[in-house]
Protein backbone atom coordinates (compact mmCIF):
# COMPACT_ATOMS: atom_id res chain seq x y z
CA MET A 1 -0.12 -0.15 0.15
CA LYS A 2 1.55 3.37 -0.52
CA LYS A 3 1.51 6.03 1.87
CA ILE A 4 -1.78 7.84 2.43
CA GLN A 5 -1.27 11.43 2.74
CA SER A 6 -2.94 13.87 4.99
CA ASN A 7 -6.61 14.56 4.80
CA LEU A 8 -6.13 17.97 4.27
CA HIS A 9 -3.80 16.88 1.00
CA TYR A 10 -7.18 15.39 -0.46
CA PHE A 11 -9.19 18.14 0.36
CA GLU A 12 -6.96 20.82 -1.41
CA ILE A 13 -6.86 18.26 -4.50
CA SER A 14 -10.82 18.42 -4.44
CA LYS A 15 -10.73 22.16 -4.18
CA ASN A 16 -8.16 22.48 -7.10
CA ASN A 17 -10.28 20.08 -9.34
CA PRO A 18 -13.70 21.30 -9.30
CA GLU A 19 -16.53 19.21 -10.46
CA PRO A 20 -17.94 19.62 -14.23
CA HIS A 21 -21.02 21.06 -14.30
CA LEU A 22 -22.39 17.96 -16.26
CA ASP A 23 -21.53 14.36 -14.91
CA ALA A 24 -22.27 11.68 -17.24
CA ALA A 25 -22.55 9.29 -14.31
CA TYR A 26 -25.83 10.84 -13.52
CA PHE A 27 -27.47 10.98 -16.74
CA ILE A 28 -30.46 8.75 -17.60
CA ILE A 29 -30.87 8.65 -21.29
CA GLN A 30 -32.47 5.52 -21.61
CA LYS A 31 -36.18 5.21 -22.20
CA SER A 32 -37.61 3.55 -19.20
CA PRO A 33 -37.76 -0.17 -19.75
CA GLN A 34 -41.32 -0.09 -17.94
CA ILE A 35 -42.79 2.63 -20.09
CA LYS A 36 -45.39 0.08 -21.49
CA GLN A 37 -46.52 -0.68 -18.04
CA TYR A 38 -47.04 2.89 -17.19
CA ILE A 39 -49.32 3.39 -20.45
CA ARG A 40 -51.30 0.52 -19.76
CA ASN A 41 -51.83 1.53 -15.99
CA ILE A 42 -52.64 5.21 -17.20
CA LYS A 43 -55.10 3.94 -19.63
CA ASP A 44 -57.10 1.78 -17.33
CA ILE A 45 -57.14 4.72 -14.88
CA LYS A 46 -58.31 6.92 -17.51
CA GLU A 47 -61.10 4.20 -18.67
CA ILE A 48 -62.22 4.07 -15.07
CA LEU A 49 -62.41 7.78 -14.56
CA ILE A 50 -64.57 8.41 -17.57
CA THR A 51 -66.81 5.45 -16.47
CA ILE A 52 -67.34 7.20 -13.19
CA LYS A 53 -67.78 10.53 -14.54
CA LYS A 54 -70.60 9.20 -16.84
CA LEU A 55 -72.30 7.01 -14.05
CA LYS A 56 -72.37 10.38 -11.98
CA GLU A 57 -73.98 12.33 -14.61
CA ASN A 58 -76.59 9.72 -15.07
CA LYS A 59 -77.07 9.57 -11.38
CA GLU A 60 -76.23 6.01 -11.15
CA HIS A 61 -77.08 4.12 -7.90
CA PRO A 62 -74.21 5.00 -5.08
CA ASN A 63 -73.53 1.26 -5.10
CA VAL A 64 -72.41 0.76 -8.88
CA LEU A 65 -70.33 4.20 -8.22
CA GLU A 66 -68.69 2.62 -5.05
CA LYS A 67 -67.87 -0.56 -7.10
CA TYR A 68 -65.82 1.60 -9.70
CA PHE A 69 -64.24 3.68 -7.26
CA LYS A 70 -62.90 0.67 -5.62
CA LYS A 71 -61.68 -0.83 -8.96
CA LEU A 72 -59.69 2.53 -9.48
CA PHE A 73 -58.39 2.18 -6.12
CA GLU A 74 -57.14 -1.39 -6.74
CA THR A 75 -55.42 -0.02 -10.31
CA PHE A 76 -53.75 3.03 -8.45
CA ASN A 77 -50.23 1.66 -8.01
CA GLU A 78 -46.76 1.94 -8.65
CA PHE A 79 -47.08 2.87 -12.45
CA SER A 80 -49.61 5.60 -11.57
CA ASN A 81 -47.43 8.38 -10.51
CA CYS A 82 -47.10 9.69 -14.17
CA SER A 83 -50.99 9.56 -14.73
CA GLU A 84 -52.76 13.10 -14.47
CA LEU A 85 -54.53 11.54 -11.27
CA GLY A 86 -51.28 10.75 -9.79
CA CYS A 87 -50.15 14.18 -10.46
CA PHE A 88 -52.95 15.50 -8.88
CA VAL A 89 -52.64 13.44 -5.77
CA ASN A 90 -49.49 15.45 -5.33
CA ALA A 91 -51.40 18.80 -5.43
CA CYS A 92 -53.65 17.90 -2.70
CA ASP A 93 -51.03 17.67 -0.40
CA THR A 94 -50.17 14.02 -0.07
CA ALA A 95 -48.55 11.18 -2.14
CA ARG A 96 -49.10 8.00 -3.74
CA ASP A 97 -47.79 5.73 -0.87
CA LEU A 98 -50.09 7.56 1.68
CA ILE A 99 -53.44 7.66 -0.49
CA GLU A 100 -53.08 4.09 -1.66
CA LYS A 101 -53.88 2.89 2.03
CA ASP A 102 -56.65 5.28 2.38
CA PHE A 103 -59.95 4.55 0.19
CA GLU A 104 -62.14 7.41 1.55
CA SER A 105 -59.33 9.98 1.00
CA PHE A 106 -58.44 8.35 -2.58
CA LYS A 107 -62.20 8.51 -3.15
CA LYS A 108 -62.48 12.31 -2.21
CA ILE A 109 -59.65 13.03 -4.28
CA THR A 110 -60.68 11.42 -7.46
CA GLU A 111 -63.93 13.07 -7.03
CA LEU A 112 -62.30 16.60 -6.98
CA PHE A 113 -60.01 15.47 -9.99
CA ILE A 114 -63.28 14.48 -11.94
CA ASN A 115 -64.84 18.02 -11.09
CA ASN A 116 -61.84 20.19 -11.58
CA ARG A 117 -59.56 18.43 -14.31
CA ILE A 118 -60.14 17.51 -18.03
CA LEU A 119 -60.73 14.04 -18.96
CA ASP A 120 -59.40 12.24 -22.01
CA ASP A 121 -58.56 8.59 -23.04
CA LYS A 122 -54.98 9.75 -24.26
CA ALA A 123 -51.68 8.28 -22.97
CA PRO A 124 -49.12 9.67 -25.17
CA GLU A 125 -45.74 7.63 -24.52
CA ASN A 126 -43.30 10.89 -24.78
CA TRP A 127 -45.53 12.79 -21.83
CA ILE A 128 -45.35 9.93 -19.79
CA GLN A 129 -41.49 9.51 -20.46
CA ALA A 130 -41.21 13.13 -19.71
CA ILE A 131 -42.66 12.83 -16.20
CA ILE A 132 -40.59 9.66 -15.55
CA ASP A 133 -37.59 11.97 -16.87
CA ASN A 134 -38.80 14.86 -14.28
CA ASN A 135 -38.72 12.41 -11.48
CA ALA A 136 -35.21 10.90 -12.20
CA SER A 137 -33.58 13.13 -9.22
CA ARG A 138 -34.86 10.32 -6.79
CA LYS A 139 -32.23 7.95 -8.43
CA LYS A 140 -29.18 10.14 -7.89
CA GLY A 141 -28.25 8.28 -4.80
CA GLU A 142 -28.05 4.82 -6.24
CA LEU A 143 -26.29 6.51 -9.55
CA GLY A 144 -23.70 7.90 -7.26
CA GLN A 145 -23.08 4.95 -5.67
CA ASN A 146 -22.84 3.09 -8.86
CA LYS A 147 -20.15 5.88 -9.98
CA LEU A 148 -17.77 5.28 -7.13
CA VAL A 149 -18.01 1.48 -7.32
CA ARG A 150 -16.98 1.99 -11.10
CA ILE A 151 -14.14 4.01 -9.92
CA LEU A 152 -13.00 1.53 -7.36
CA GLY A 153 -13.15 -1.17 -10.12
CA LYS A 154 -10.89 0.43 -12.20
CA PHE A 155 -8.39 0.01 -9.24
CA GLY A 156 -8.76 -3.67 -8.41
CA TYR A 157 -11.59 -3.52 -6.04
CA LYS A 158 -13.87 -6.28 -6.21
CA LEU A 159 -17.93 -5.59 -5.56
CA VAL A 160 -18.84 -8.00 -2.85
CA LYS A 161 -22.42 -9.16 -1.36
CA ASP A 162 -21.84 -10.46 1.90
CA TRP A 163 -19.62 -10.55 4.92
CA ASN A 164 -17.97 -13.50 4.21
CA ASP A 165 -16.36 -12.37 0.94
CA PHE A 166 -15.56 -8.85 2.48
CA PHE A 167 -13.17 -10.41 4.79
CA LYS A 168 -11.95 -12.64 2.17
CA HIS A 169 -10.72 -10.38 -0.49
CA ARG A 170 -8.17 -8.02 0.27
CA LYS A 171 -9.31 -5.26 -1.90
CA CYS A 172 -13.17 -4.78 -1.93
CA VAL A 173 -16.45 -2.88 -1.71
CA ALA A 174 -19.75 -3.09 -0.47
CA VAL A 175 -22.90 -1.47 -0.88
CA ILE A 176 -24.07 -0.76 2.61
CA SER A 177 -27.96 -1.94 2.73
CA LYS A 178 -30.42 -3.27 5.19
CA ASP A 179 -29.79 -6.80 4.14
CA SER A 180 -25.89 -8.09 4.78
CA PHE A 181 -24.26 -4.53 5.69
CA SER A 182 -26.68 -2.85 7.62
CA THR A 183 -25.11 -0.19 10.24
CA GLU A 184 -26.09 -2.82 13.22
CA LYS A 185 -24.22 -5.75 11.34
CA THR A 186 -21.21 -3.29 10.25
CA ARG A 187 -20.81 -2.21 13.92
CA GLU A 188 -21.14 -5.68 15.10
CA LYS A 189 -18.54 -7.40 12.49
CA LEU A 190 -15.90 -4.31 12.63
CA LYS A 191 -16.23 -3.88 16.53
CA ILE A 192 -16.95 -0.08 16.17
CA LYS A 193 -19.14 2.63 17.37
CA ILE A 194 -20.39 4.64 14.09
CA ASP A 195 -21.79 7.17 17.00
CA MET A 196 -24.74 9.03 14.93
CA LYS A 197 -27.59 10.34 16.75
CA ASN A 198 -29.83 8.35 14.24
CA ASP A 199 -29.07 4.78 15.20
CA ASP A 200 -30.90 3.95 11.77
CA LYS A 201 -28.45 6.05 9.61
CA MET A 202 -27.17 4.11 6.29
CA PHE A 203 -23.67 5.08 4.72
CA ASP A 204 -23.23 4.33 1.05
CA LEU A 205 -20.14 2.28 0.75
CA LEU A 206 -17.80 0.12 2.84
CA ILE A 207 -14.28 -0.04 1.02
CA LYS A 208 -11.47 -2.10 2.30
CA ASN A 209 -7.96 -2.44 1.32
CA LYS A 210 -6.04 -5.05 3.41
CA ASN A 211 -6.65 -3.92 7.07
CA LYS A 212 -7.78 -0.35 5.97
CA ILE A 213 -11.41 0.42 5.96
CA PHE A 214 -12.98 3.43 4.72
CA ILE A 215 -17.14 3.99 5.75
CA LEU A 216 -18.25 6.23 2.78
CA GLU A 217 -21.39 8.64 2.65
CA ALA A 218 -21.85 10.09 -0.91
CA LYS A 219 -24.04 13.04 -1.80
CA HIS A 220 -24.59 14.44 -5.16
CA LEU A 221 -25.87 18.08 -5.05
CA ASN A 222 -26.30 20.77 -7.64
CA VAL A 223 -27.85 23.59 -5.95
CA GLY A 224 -28.37 25.03 -2.47
CA GLY A 225 -31.36 25.49 -0.37
CA GLY A 226 -32.84 24.03 3.00
CA GLU A 227 -32.80 20.28 2.01
CA GLN A 228 -29.20 20.54 0.52
CA ASP A 229 -27.82 22.46 3.71
CA LYS A 230 -29.38 19.48 6.01
CA GLN A 231 -27.33 17.09 3.87
CA THR A 232 -24.22 19.31 3.93
CA ASP A 233 -24.62 19.48 7.74
CA GLU A 234 -24.85 15.53 7.99
CA LEU A 235 -21.53 15.17 5.81
CA ILE A 236 -19.76 17.56 8.15
CA LYS A 237 -20.75 15.66 11.14
CA ILE A 238 -19.51 12.41 9.81
CA LEU A 239 -16.47 14.08 9.42
CA GLU A 240 -16.33 14.61 13.26
CA LEU A 241 -17.11 10.84 13.98
CA LYS A 242 -14.23 8.78 15.83
CA GLU A 243 -13.24 5.21 16.13
CA ILE A 244 -10.70 3.45 18.45
CA ASN A 245 -9.53 1.43 15.71
CA ASN A 246 -7.03 3.70 13.70
CA ASN A 247 -7.47 1.58 10.67
CA ILE A 248 -11.42 2.88 10.11
CA SER A 249 -11.73 6.21 8.50
CA TYR A 250 -14.80 7.88 7.13
CA ILE A 251 -15.34 9.63 3.96
CA SER A 252 -17.81 12.43 3.27
CA PHE A 253 -18.12 12.38 -0.39
CA LEU A 254 -19.60 15.46 -2.15
CA ASP A 255 -19.63 16.11 -5.93
CA GLY A 256 -21.89 17.98 -8.24
CA THR A 257 -21.51 21.96 -8.86
CA TYR A 258 -22.57 22.65 -5.25
CA SER A 259 -19.23 21.27 -4.08
CA ASN A 260 -17.64 23.74 -6.17
CA GLU A 261 -19.44 26.25 -4.31
CA LEU A 262 -18.70 25.25 -0.98
CA ILE A 263 -15.39 24.37 -1.18
CA SER A 264 -13.70 25.73 -4.10
CA GLN A 265 -15.26 29.26 -5.46
CA PRO A 266 -14.49 32.46 -3.57
CA LEU A 267 -17.22 33.37 -0.84
CA SER A 268 -18.72 36.71 -0.19
CA LYS A 269 -19.34 37.77 3.62
CA ARG A 270 -22.89 37.90 2.79
CA ALA A 271 -22.86 34.17 2.32
CA LYS A 272 -22.71 33.56 5.88
CA ARG A 273 -23.87 29.96 6.00
CA MET A 274 -21.34 28.49 3.55
CA VAL A 275 -18.53 30.39 5.08
CA LYS A 276 -19.46 28.80 8.29
CA LYS A 277 -19.71 25.50 6.76
CA ARG A 278 -16.48 25.77 4.73
CA ALA A 279 -14.67 26.74 8.03
CA ARG A 280 -16.22 23.68 10.13
CA ILE A 281 -14.67 21.54 7.34
CA THR A 282 -11.33 22.91 7.21
CA ARG A 283 -11.10 23.14 10.97
CA TYR A 284 -11.71 19.66 11.43
CA LEU A 285 -9.22 18.46 8.57
CA LYS A 286 -6.51 20.85 10.35
CA ASN A 287 -6.73 18.88 13.63
CA LYS A 288 -3.84 16.52 13.63
CA LYS A 289 -5.75 13.68 15.32
CA SER A 290 -8.19 13.74 12.49
CA LYS A 291 -8.28 10.75 10.10
CA ASN A 292 -11.45 11.05 8.24
CA TYR A 293 -11.75 12.77 4.54
CA TRP A 294 -13.76 15.27 2.50
CA VAL A 295 -13.55 14.78 -0.89
CA ASN A 296 -15.03 15.07 -4.38
CA THR A 297 -14.54 13.16 -7.27
CA ALA A 298 -10.61 14.32 -7.83
CA GLY A 299 -9.90 13.83 -4.24
CA PHE A 300 -11.55 10.71 -3.73
CA LYS A 301 -9.66 9.13 -6.93
CA GLN A 302 -6.29 10.36 -5.74
CA LEU A 303 -7.14 8.58 -2.17
CA ILE A 304 -8.07 5.33 -3.46
CA ILE A 305 -4.64 5.86 -5.75
CA ASP A 306 -2.41 6.22 -2.66
CA SER A 307 -4.32 3.63 -0.72
CA ARG A 308 -2.99 0.57 -3.47
């Protein structure tokens, strides 16, 4: 193994090698492989909605209407988010995973939809795909993990699925999940604390090179804001974690253009929140006892190269 440099060294590399505006690792170019299921589901929803509207106009018996409301309720599933009704659910201050458990609320929202929106039987593939594309940001976490696993693969790290393989291989990486590599199991197997206030906190990757182990949390951020502040605060708190075992280190990984703003670009005095965040990061890294890392893509690559 080459000698790993100080954490400030990799922070400086990260500062001097900012993230690109466009990172192909986070592109989702291909059409959804499930587009046909989306289309079929949306057509079914529209047919039932049109039927309910006609039954209401004809003053059909409530029992008949109830039957179709229940049929619609059963049809409303994970492929319904791209339907007009699915989007309308969001406009009514709720979400699919909540409303699909509450028939009466679902029925009320359906009636509001019928009374306030235009109904038709069209389900064009292009606008369904457009809605799927618009929701693509929800997959960024998994794409970030995949990006880092690919980088590690280029340097000989094998992706492993269980603890036996993790301990067997000299160089490997595991995606942390609720199954084999849960936080609880990681504490138990590595005999460490992972002293987070949130005991259910799930990190992203477990990286091993001989006796050295990195526990990595990755974030991909392109804009600032309330939610982004929470996520960067979490990364900063991870920097402050300590383990008795000197072979265990934590990595706070941040890519995306927000990373450039946070660590690379000049800050005005008016950007008080950002100034404080950067100061907290550098204050920790300047502590000679610190053994955790803050890196972007360039800093991470160099850290892995030096770990070989």
